[in-house]
Amino acid sequence: MSGTAGNTVRLLGVRDTPLDTGEVLAAVQDQAAGGVNLFVGAVRDHDHGLGVVRLEYSAHPTALDKLAEVAEEVAAEFDVIALAAVHRIGVLDVGDLAVVSAVSAAHRDQAFAASRALIDRLKERVPIWKHQVFSDGTDEWVGSC
């Protein structure tokens, strides 16, 4: 799933293919932007003191619609020029990118604040679930909303 919306929300996606930071960064570039904040979430090798073998992300069919709602909300609330966000689904290995988001604004403070709101709200409200598989053979499901 992928899509774009409006002049401010330039790129959104929920994808089963590897994410590209360059694509997300390019989507928010603008000559009026004095500050660009790029957030990259990668699969780390541990959680809860256990080694992580892999993550498996799954998404509800409405995930892209919910992501669009969050993005439009952040765009309306903060003084930003552009924003973009993509989230990976499927099986991810340690080091793979799980989420990439970016915000551009006239000033860095606005870019930082909007970027934080975007990733926090994405994790809180977009129906994407994480299945963690640990090196000791245990696993757990983590809901992002």
C-alpha atoms as a PDB file:
ATOM      1  CA  MET A   1       0.000   0.000   0.000  1.00  0.00           C
ATOM      2  CA  SER A   2       1.244   3.493  -0.728  1.00  0.00           C
ATOM      3  CA  GLY A   3      -0.110   6.915  -1.537  1.00  0.00           C
ATOM      4  CA  THR A   4       0.284  10.660  -1.342  1.00  0.00           C
ATOM      5  CA  ALA A   5      -2.081  13.411  -0.231  1.00  0.00           C
ATOM      6  CA  GLY A   6      -2.171  17.187  -0.574  1.00  0.00           C
ATOM      7  CA  ASN A   7       0.701  19.626  -0.935  1.00  0.00           C
ATOM      8  CA  THR A   8       2.042  19.190   2.595  1.00  0.00           C
ATOM      9  CA  VAL A   9       1.642  15.436   3.004  1.00  0.00           C
ATOM     10  CA  ARG A  10       3.843  14.316   0.148  1.00  0.00           C
ATOM     11  CA  LEU A  11       4.508  10.622   0.708  1.00  0.00           C
ATOM     12  CA  LEU A  12       2.811   7.933   2.773  1.00  0.00           C
ATOM     13  CA  GLY A  13       3.203   4.200   2.628  1.00  0.00           C
ATOM     14  CA  VAL A  14       2.751   0.856   4.322  1.00  0.00           C
ATOM     15  CA  ARG A  15       4.986  -1.477   2.339  1.00  0.00           C
ATOM     16  CA  ASP A  16       6.320  -5.011   2.235  1.00  0.00           C
ATOM     17  CA  THR A  17       9.491  -3.894   0.446  1.00  0.00           C
ATOM     18  CA  PRO A  18      12.670  -2.335   1.898  1.00  0.00           C
ATOM     19  CA  LEU A  19      12.435   1.331   2.839  1.00  0.00           C
ATOM     20  CA  ASP A  20      14.613   4.029   1.294  1.00  0.00           C
ATOM     21  CA  THR A  21      15.615   7.006   3.440  1.00  0.00           C
ATOM     22  CA  GLY A  22      16.531   8.927   0.277  1.00  0.00           C
ATOM     23  CA  GLU A  23      13.002   8.631  -1.085  1.00  0.00           C
ATOM     24  CA  VAL A  24      11.484   9.972   2.138  1.00  0.00           C
ATOM     25  CA  LEU A  25      14.015  12.790   2.448  1.00  0.00           C
ATOM     26  CA  ALA A  26      13.507  13.803  -1.184  1.00  0.00           C
ATOM     27  CA  ALA A  27       9.749  13.958  -0.645  1.00  0.00           C
ATOM     28  CA  VAL A  28      10.064  16.732   1.960  1.00  0.00           C
ATOM     29  CA  GLN A  29      12.822  18.790   0.372  1.00  0.00           C
ATOM     30  CA  ASP A  30      11.796  22.344  -0.380  1.00  0.00           C
ATOM     31  CA  GLN A  31      13.690  25.593  -0.965  1.00  0.00           C
ATOM     32  CA  ALA A  32      11.677  27.249   1.809  1.00  0.00           C
ATOM     33  CA  ALA A  33      12.792  24.661   4.363  1.00  0.00           C
ATOM     34  CA  GLY A  34      15.476  25.740   6.795  1.00  0.00           C
ATOM     35  CA  GLY A  35      15.062  22.617   8.913  1.00  0.00           C
ATOM     36  CA  VAL A  36      14.524  19.009   7.903  1.00  0.00           C
ATOM     37  CA  ASN A  37      14.161  16.252  10.486  1.00  0.00           C
ATOM     38  CA  LEU A  38      14.530  12.637   9.362  1.00  0.00           C
ATOM     39  CA  PHE A  39      13.588   9.797  11.723  1.00  0.00           C
ATOM     40  CA  VAL A  40      14.710   6.252  10.980  1.00  0.00           C
ATOM     41  CA  GLY A  41      13.499   3.331  13.066  1.00  0.00           C
ATOM     42  CA  ALA A  42      15.569   0.166  12.619  1.00  0.00           C
ATOM     43  CA  VAL A  43      15.242  -3.352  13.996  1.00  0.00           C
ATOM     44  CA  ARG A  44      17.591  -3.580  16.971  1.00  0.00           C
ATOM     45  CA  ASP A  45      19.242  -6.745  18.231  1.00  0.00           C
ATOM     46  CA  HIS A  46      17.654  -6.716  21.704  1.00  0.00           C
ATOM     47  CA  ASP A  47      14.538  -5.881  23.716  1.00  0.00           C
ATOM     48  CA  HIS A  48      13.611  -6.560  27.350  1.00  0.00           C
ATOM     49  CA  GLY A  49      17.129  -7.873  27.906  1.00  0.00           C
ATOM     50  CA  LEU A  50      16.661 -10.586  25.284  1.00  0.00           C
ATOM     51  CA  GLY A  51      18.302 -11.001  21.895  1.00  0.00           C
ATOM     52  CA  VAL A  52      16.006 -10.273  18.961  1.00  0.00           C
ATOM     53  CA  VAL A  53      16.192 -12.631  15.962  1.00  0.00           C
ATOM     54  CA  ARG A  54      13.640 -10.869  13.750  1.00  0.00           C
ATOM     55  CA  LEU A  55      10.457  -8.825  13.738  1.00  0.00           C
ATOM     56  CA  GLU A  56       7.301  -9.554  11.793  1.00  0.00           C
ATOM     57  CA  TYR A  57       5.042  -6.571  11.159  1.00  0.00           C
ATOM     58  CA  SER A  58       1.440  -6.903  10.042  1.00  0.00           C
ATOM     59  CA  ALA A  59      -1.062  -4.178   9.268  1.00  0.00           C
ATOM     60  CA  HIS A  60      -4.818  -3.825   9.281  1.00  0.00           C
ATOM     61  CA  PRO A  61      -6.278  -2.961   5.846  1.00  0.00           C
ATOM     62  CA  THR A  62      -7.062   0.541   7.173  1.00  0.00           C
ATOM     63  CA  ALA A  63      -3.436   1.253   8.175  1.00  0.00           C
ATOM     64  CA  LEU A  64      -2.708   3.579   5.251  1.00  0.00           C
ATOM     65  CA  ASP A  65      -5.951   5.501   5.848  1.00  0.00           C
ATOM     66  CA  LYS A  66      -5.080   5.915   9.535  1.00  0.00           C
ATOM     67  CA  LEU A  67      -1.568   7.013   8.609  1.00  0.00           C
ATOM     68  CA  ALA A  68      -3.080   9.637   6.306  1.00  0.00           C
ATOM     69  CA  GLU A  69      -5.314  10.884   9.136  1.00  0.00           C
ATOM     70  CA  VAL A  70      -2.331  11.229  11.460  1.00  0.00           C
ATOM     71  CA  ALA A  71      -0.238  12.958   8.798  1.00  0.00           C
ATOM     72  CA  GLU A  72      -2.974  15.445   7.914  1.00  0.00           C
ATOM     73  CA  GLU A  73      -3.517  16.166  11.611  1.00  0.00           C
ATOM     74  CA  VAL A  74       0.174  16.875  12.200  1.00  0.00           C
ATOM     75  CA  ALA A  75       0.364  18.990   9.035  1.00  0.00           C
ATOM     76  CA  ALA A  76      -2.595  21.086  10.238  1.00  0.00           C
ATOM     77  CA  GLU A  77      -1.316  21.429  13.809  1.00  0.00           C
ATOM     78  CA  PHE A  78       2.314  22.342  13.123  1.00  0.00           C
ATOM     79  CA  ASP A  79       3.807  25.003  10.883  1.00  0.00           C
ATOM     80  CA  VAL A  80       5.468  22.625   8.429  1.00  0.00           C
ATOM     81  CA  ILE A  81       6.235  22.723   4.745  1.00  0.00           C
ATOM     82  CA  ALA A  82       6.100  19.001   4.044  1.00  0.00           C
ATOM     83  CA  LEU A  83       5.984  15.614   5.706  1.00  0.00           C
ATOM     84  CA  ALA A  84       6.333  11.985   4.723  1.00  0.00           C
ATOM     85  CA  ALA A  85       6.148   8.612   6.462  1.00  0.00           C
ATOM     86  CA  VAL A  86       6.523   5.000   5.374  1.00  0.00           C
ATOM     87  CA  HIS A  87       6.283   1.854   7.499  1.00  0.00           C
ATOM     88  CA  ARG A  88       7.441  -1.614   6.578  1.00  0.00           C
ATOM     89  CA  ILE A  89       5.400  -4.778   7.019  1.00  0.00           C
ATOM     90  CA  GLY A  90       6.476  -8.399   6.677  1.00  0.00           C
ATOM     91  CA  VAL A  91       9.544 -10.157   8.086  1.00  0.00           C
ATOM     92  CA  LEU A  92      12.442  -7.854   9.024  1.00  0.00           C
ATOM     93  CA  ASP A  93      15.901  -8.863  10.151  1.00  0.00           C
ATOM     94  CA  VAL A  94      18.098  -7.019  12.637  1.00  0.00           C
ATOM     95  CA  GLY A  95      19.294  -3.811  10.983  1.00  0.00           C
ATOM     96  CA  ASP A  96      16.366  -3.542   8.543  1.00  0.00           C
ATOM     97  CA  LEU A  97      14.449  -0.275   8.492  1.00  0.00           C
ATOM     98  CA  ALA A  98      10.975  -0.517  10.021  1.00  0.00           C
ATOM     99  CA  VAL A  99       9.826   3.088   9.676  1.00  0.00           C
ATOM    100  CA  VAL A 100      11.129   6.261   8.042  1.00  0.00           C
ATOM    101  CA  SER A 101       9.532   9.666   8.484  1.00  0.00           C
ATOM    102  CA  ALA A 102      10.607  13.190   7.665  1.00  0.00           C
ATOM    103  CA  VAL A 103       9.354  16.721   8.196  1.00  0.00           C
ATOM    104  CA  SER A 104      10.549  19.973   6.692  1.00  0.00           C
ATOM    105  CA  ALA A 105       9.779  23.406   8.091  1.00  0.00           C
ATOM    106  CA  ALA A 106      11.113  26.935   7.895  1.00  0.00           C
ATOM    107  CA  HIS A 107      12.909  26.475  11.221  1.00  0.00           C
ATOM    108  CA  ARG A 108      14.434  23.493  13.071  1.00  0.00           C
ATOM    109  CA  ASP A 109      12.235  23.794  16.174  1.00  0.00           C
ATOM    110  CA  GLN A 110       9.109  23.328  14.073  1.00  0.00           C
ATOM    111  CA  ALA A 111      10.657  20.405  12.190  1.00  0.00           C
ATOM    112  CA  PHE A 112      11.702  18.660  15.428  1.00  0.00           C
ATOM    113  CA  ALA A 113       8.324  19.148  17.128  1.00  0.00           C
ATOM    114  CA  ALA A 114       6.301  17.998  14.136  1.00  0.00           C
ATOM    115  CA  SER A 115       8.603  15.027  13.542  1.00  0.00           C
ATOM    116  CA  ARG A 116       8.174  13.863  17.135  1.00  0.00           C
ATOM    117  CA  ALA A 117       4.397  14.240  16.922  1.00  0.00           C
ATOM    118  CA  LEU A 118       4.282  12.364  13.618  1.00  0.00           C
ATOM    119  CA  ILE A 119       6.209   9.299  14.782  1.00  0.00           C
ATOM    120  CA  ASP A 120       4.540   9.208  18.213  1.00  0.00           C
ATOM    121  CA  ARG A 121       1.031   9.402  16.759  1.00  0.00           C
ATOM    122  CA  LEU A 122       1.875   6.877  14.057  1.00  0.00           C
ATOM    123  CA  LYS A 123       2.944   4.404  16.746  1.00  0.00           C
ATOM    124  CA  GLU A 124      -0.109   5.169  18.895  1.00  0.00           C
ATOM    125  CA  ARG A 125      -2.855   5.125  16.260  1.00  0.00           C
ATOM    126  CA  VAL A 126      -1.890   3.355  13.051  1.00  0.00           C
ATOM    127  CA  PRO A 127      -2.931  -0.325  13.261  1.00  0.00           C
ATOM    128  CA  ILE A 128       0.414  -1.998  12.656  1.00  0.00           C
ATOM    129  CA  TRP A 129       1.418  -4.834  14.968  1.00  0.00           C
ATOM    130  CA  LYS A 130       4.900  -6.091  15.779  1.00  0.00           C
ATOM    131  CA  HIS A 131       5.690  -9.738  16.452  1.00  0.00           C
ATOM    132  CA  GLN A 132       9.117 -10.018  18.110  1.00  0.00           C
ATOM    133  CA  VAL A 133      10.981 -13.311  17.934  1.00  0.00           C
ATOM    134  CA  PHE A 134      13.718 -13.686  20.552  1.00  0.00           C
ATOM    135  CA  SER A 135      16.934 -15.712  20.500  1.00  0.00           C
ATOM    136  CA  ASP A 136      15.764 -17.859  23.442  1.00  0.00           C
ATOM    137  CA  GLY A 137      12.801 -19.135  21.383  1.00  0.00           C
ATOM    138  CA  THR A 138      10.159 -16.936  23.020  1.00  0.00           C
ATOM    139  CA  ASP A 139       8.153 -14.290  21.233  1.00  0.00           C
ATOM    140  CA  GLU A 140       5.705 -11.492  21.892  1.00  0.00           C
ATOM    141  CA  TRP A 141       3.164  -9.387  20.043  1.00  0.00           C
ATOM    142  CA  VAL A 142       3.308  -5.626  20.487  1.00  0.00           C
ATOM    143  CA  GLY A 143       0.391  -3.475  19.336  1.00  0.00           C
ATOM    144  CA  SER A 144       1.242  -0.036  18.073  1.00  0.00           C
ATOM    145  CA  CYS A 145      -2.230   1.304  18.670  1.00  0.00           C
END
